[in-house]
Amino acid sequence: MYRYVQVPAIGPLPPMYEPVWYTAKVITAVAEAAAGGLALVGYALTRKTLRRPPGRRVSASAPERNDTAG
């Protein structure tokens, strides 16, 4: 909003209108977009894991059963 509208100072916040884009600002915007995208991917993967129906889980510490003992 601050890019398109000149918002005045609100309480302790200074006016933040700055229509100029410079290198550091572009890098920050790209990094924030990437972080937001990764957060959405993480959320989607978490939701997918939680919705998985419970199944039989094999424990790595349980010994394998050998029925061919002789």
N, C-alpha and C. Protein backbone atom coordinates (compact mmCIF):
# COMPACT_ATOMS: atom_id res chain seq x y z
N MET A 1 0.83 -1.18 0.00
CA MET A 1 0.00 0.00 0.00
C MET A 1 0.88 1.25 0.00
N TYR A 2 1.99 1.20 0.74
CA TYR A 2 2.84 2.38 0.85
C TYR A 2 3.49 2.76 -0.48
N ARG A 3 3.53 1.83 -1.43
CA ARG A 3 4.13 2.15 -2.73
C ARG A 3 3.21 3.05 -3.55
N TYR A 4 1.89 2.86 -3.41
CA TYR A 4 0.94 3.58 -4.25
C TYR A 4 0.23 4.73 -3.55
N VAL A 5 0.18 4.70 -2.23
CA VAL A 5 -0.57 5.71 -1.48
C VAL A 5 0.37 6.38 -0.49
N GLN A 6 0.30 7.68 -0.44
CA GLN A 6 1.13 8.42 0.50
C GLN A 6 0.42 8.46 1.85
N VAL A 7 0.75 7.49 2.69
CA VAL A 7 0.12 7.37 4.01
C VAL A 7 0.88 8.29 4.96
N PRO A 8 0.17 9.14 5.70
CA PRO A 8 0.85 10.03 6.65
C PRO A 8 1.31 9.26 7.88
N ALA A 9 2.03 9.95 8.74
CA ALA A 9 2.49 9.35 9.99
C ALA A 9 1.28 8.93 10.82
N ILE A 10 1.36 7.71 11.36
CA ILE A 10 0.28 7.20 12.21
C ILE A 10 0.88 6.91 13.58
N GLY A 11 0.55 7.74 14.55
CA GLY A 11 1.09 7.57 15.90
C GLY A 11 2.61 7.60 15.88
N PRO A 12 3.25 6.57 16.42
CA PRO A 12 4.72 6.56 16.45
C PRO A 12 5.35 6.13 15.12
N LEU A 13 4.56 5.65 14.15
CA LEU A 13 5.10 5.22 12.86
C LEU A 13 5.31 6.43 11.95
N PRO A 14 6.47 6.54 11.34
CA PRO A 14 6.72 7.65 10.42
C PRO A 14 6.02 7.43 9.09
N PRO A 15 5.90 8.46 8.26
CA PRO A 15 5.34 8.25 6.92
C PRO A 15 6.28 7.36 6.12
N MET A 16 5.75 6.35 5.46
CA MET A 16 6.61 5.36 4.79
C MET A 16 6.51 5.39 3.28
N TYR A 17 5.94 6.41 2.72
CA TYR A 17 5.81 6.50 1.26
C TYR A 17 7.18 6.71 0.64
N GLU A 18 7.57 5.78 -0.23
CA GLU A 18 8.86 5.88 -0.92
C GLU A 18 8.70 5.24 -2.30
N PRO A 19 8.42 6.06 -3.31
CA PRO A 19 8.13 5.52 -4.64
C PRO A 19 9.36 5.04 -5.41
N VAL A 20 10.54 5.26 -4.89
CA VAL A 20 11.78 4.91 -5.60
C VAL A 20 12.18 3.48 -5.28
N TRP A 21 12.52 2.71 -6.34
CA TRP A 21 13.02 1.35 -6.15
C TRP A 21 14.52 1.37 -6.41
N TYR A 22 15.28 0.83 -5.48
CA TYR A 22 16.72 0.72 -5.64
C TYR A 22 17.11 -0.72 -5.38
N THR A 23 18.35 -1.07 -5.64
CA THR A 23 18.80 -2.46 -5.63
C THR A 23 18.49 -3.19 -4.33
N ALA A 24 18.80 -2.60 -3.20
CA ALA A 24 18.56 -3.27 -1.92
C ALA A 24 17.06 -3.53 -1.71
N LYS A 25 16.23 -2.62 -2.16
CA LYS A 25 14.79 -2.78 -1.99
C LYS A 25 14.27 -3.92 -2.88
N VAL A 26 14.79 -4.03 -4.08
CA VAL A 26 14.38 -5.10 -4.99
C VAL A 26 14.82 -6.45 -4.44
N ILE A 27 16.05 -6.54 -3.94
CA ILE A 27 16.56 -7.79 -3.36
C ILE A 27 15.69 -8.20 -2.17
N THR A 28 15.33 -7.24 -1.34
CA THR A 28 14.49 -7.53 -0.19
C THR A 28 13.12 -8.03 -0.62
N ALA A 29 12.54 -7.41 -1.62
CA ALA A 29 11.22 -7.83 -2.10
C ALA A 29 11.26 -9.25 -2.66
N VAL A 30 12.31 -9.58 -3.40
CA VAL A 30 12.46 -10.93 -3.96
C VAL A 30 12.65 -11.95 -2.84
N ALA A 31 13.47 -11.61 -1.85
CA ALA A 31 13.70 -12.52 -0.73
C ALA A 31 12.41 -12.75 0.08
N GLU A 32 11.63 -11.69 0.28
CA GLU A 32 10.37 -11.85 1.01
C GLU A 32 9.39 -12.70 0.22
N ALA A 33 9.35 -12.54 -1.08
CA ALA A 33 8.46 -13.36 -1.91
C ALA A 33 8.89 -14.83 -1.87
N ALA A 34 10.20 -15.09 -1.93
CA ALA A 34 10.70 -16.46 -1.85
C ALA A 34 10.39 -17.08 -0.49
N ALA A 35 10.57 -16.31 0.57
CA ALA A 35 10.27 -16.82 1.92
C ALA A 35 8.79 -17.12 2.06
N GLY A 36 7.94 -16.27 1.52
CA GLY A 36 6.50 -16.53 1.57
C GLY A 36 6.13 -17.77 0.78
N GLY A 37 6.72 -17.95 -0.38
CA GLY A 37 6.46 -19.15 -1.18
C GLY A 37 6.91 -20.42 -0.47
N LEU A 38 8.09 -20.38 0.13
CA LEU A 38 8.58 -21.55 0.87
C LEU A 38 7.72 -21.84 2.09
N ALA A 39 7.22 -20.80 2.73
CA ALA A 39 6.32 -21.00 3.87
C ALA A 39 5.04 -21.69 3.42
N LEU A 40 4.50 -21.30 2.27
CA LEU A 40 3.29 -21.95 1.76
C LEU A 40 3.56 -23.41 1.39
N VAL A 41 4.70 -23.69 0.80
CA VAL A 41 5.06 -25.07 0.46
C VAL A 41 5.19 -25.90 1.73
N GLY A 42 5.86 -25.35 2.75
CA GLY A 42 5.99 -26.07 4.02
C GLY A 42 4.65 -26.33 4.66
N TYR A 43 3.78 -25.36 4.62
CA TYR A 43 2.43 -25.52 5.19
C TYR A 43 1.67 -26.61 4.44
N ALA A 44 1.75 -26.58 3.11
CA ALA A 44 1.04 -27.58 2.31
C ALA A 44 1.58 -28.98 2.58
N LEU A 45 2.88 -29.12 2.71
CA LEU A 45 3.46 -30.44 3.01
C LEU A 45 3.07 -30.91 4.40
N THR A 46 3.00 -30.01 5.35
CA THR A 46 2.60 -30.37 6.70
C THR A 46 1.15 -30.83 6.71
N ARG A 47 0.29 -30.12 6.02
CA ARG A 47 -1.13 -30.49 5.97
C ARG A 47 -1.31 -31.84 5.27
N LYS A 48 -0.50 -32.10 4.24
CA LYS A 48 -0.58 -33.36 3.52
C LYS A 48 -0.18 -34.51 4.44
N THR A 49 0.85 -34.31 5.24
CA THR A 49 1.31 -35.34 6.18
C THR A 49 0.26 -35.60 7.25
N LEU A 50 -0.38 -34.57 7.75
CA LEU A 50 -1.37 -34.74 8.80
C LEU A 50 -2.63 -35.44 8.30
N ARG A 51 -2.96 -35.31 7.02
CA ARG A 51 -4.17 -35.91 6.48
C ARG A 51 -3.98 -37.38 6.09
N ARG A 52 -2.74 -37.85 6.07
CA ARG A 52 -2.47 -39.22 5.66
C ARG A 52 -3.13 -40.19 6.65
N PRO A 53 -3.87 -41.19 6.16
CA PRO A 53 -4.51 -42.13 7.08
C PRO A 53 -3.45 -42.94 7.83
N PRO A 54 -3.75 -43.27 9.07
CA PRO A 54 -2.77 -44.04 9.84
C PRO A 54 -2.61 -45.43 9.24
N GLY A 55 -1.40 -45.85 9.12
CA GLY A 55 -1.12 -47.17 8.56
C GLY A 55 -0.14 -47.90 9.46
N ARG A 56 0.25 -49.07 9.03
CA ARG A 56 1.20 -49.85 9.81
C ARG A 56 2.58 -49.25 9.63
N ARG A 57 3.20 -48.94 10.72
CA ARG A 57 4.55 -48.37 10.66
C ARG A 57 5.54 -49.42 11.14
N VAL A 58 6.63 -49.51 10.44
CA VAL A 58 7.67 -50.45 10.80
C VAL A 58 8.73 -49.69 11.56
N SER A 59 9.05 -50.18 12.74
CA SER A 59 10.06 -49.53 13.55
C SER A 59 11.44 -49.99 13.12
N ALA A 60 12.36 -49.07 13.04
CA ALA A 60 13.72 -49.42 12.63
C ALA A 60 14.43 -50.22 13.72
N SER A 61 14.01 -50.10 14.97
CA SER A 61 14.68 -50.79 16.05
C SER A 61 14.11 -52.19 16.30
N ALA A 62 12.96 -52.52 15.70
CA ALA A 62 12.37 -53.84 15.90
C ALA A 62 13.12 -54.87 15.07
N PRO A 63 13.44 -56.02 15.66
CA PRO A 63 14.16 -57.05 14.90
C PRO A 63 13.25 -57.69 13.86
N GLU A 64 13.83 -58.08 12.76
CA GLU A 64 13.05 -58.74 11.72
C GLU A 64 12.71 -60.15 12.17
N ARG A 65 11.55 -60.60 11.79
CA ARG A 65 11.10 -61.93 12.20
C ARG A 65 11.53 -62.94 11.14
N ASN A 66 12.13 -64.01 11.59
CA ASN A 66 12.62 -65.04 10.68
C ASN A 66 11.88 -66.34 11.00
N ASP A 67 10.93 -66.71 10.11
CA ASP A 67 10.13 -67.91 10.34
C ASP A 67 10.76 -69.17 9.76
N THR A 68 11.93 -69.07 9.21
CA THR A 68 12.58 -70.23 8.59
C THR A 68 13.64 -70.82 9.50
N ALA A 69 13.45 -70.71 10.81
CA ALA A 69 14.43 -71.23 11.75
C ALA A 69 14.42 -72.75 11.67
N GLY A 70 15.58 -73.37 11.75
CA GLY A 70 15.63 -74.81 11.56
C GLY A 70 16.34 -75.51 12.56
